[in-house]
Amino acid sequence: MTGTQIRDLRKALGYTQARLAEEISVTANTVARYERNELRPSPPVMKLLKLLNMLLTEKKAA
């Protein structure tokens, strides 16, 4: 998942960087670094982001 995809997911969820950070157990600064492609999410964080994306997709389909 790219930084742009993470930012788009966060915005689609209506989350601030701080809120997304809380949901995936990282700091808001880390989320900002993900979004700027300065840092790649660890595998466990990537799984959480993919899960949030799946939930968003299901919510849109319902």
Foldseek 3Di string as FASTA:
>chain_A
DQLCVLVVLCVLVVHQLQRLCVQLVHHSVVNVCRNVVVDPDDVSSVVSSVVSVVVSVVVVVD
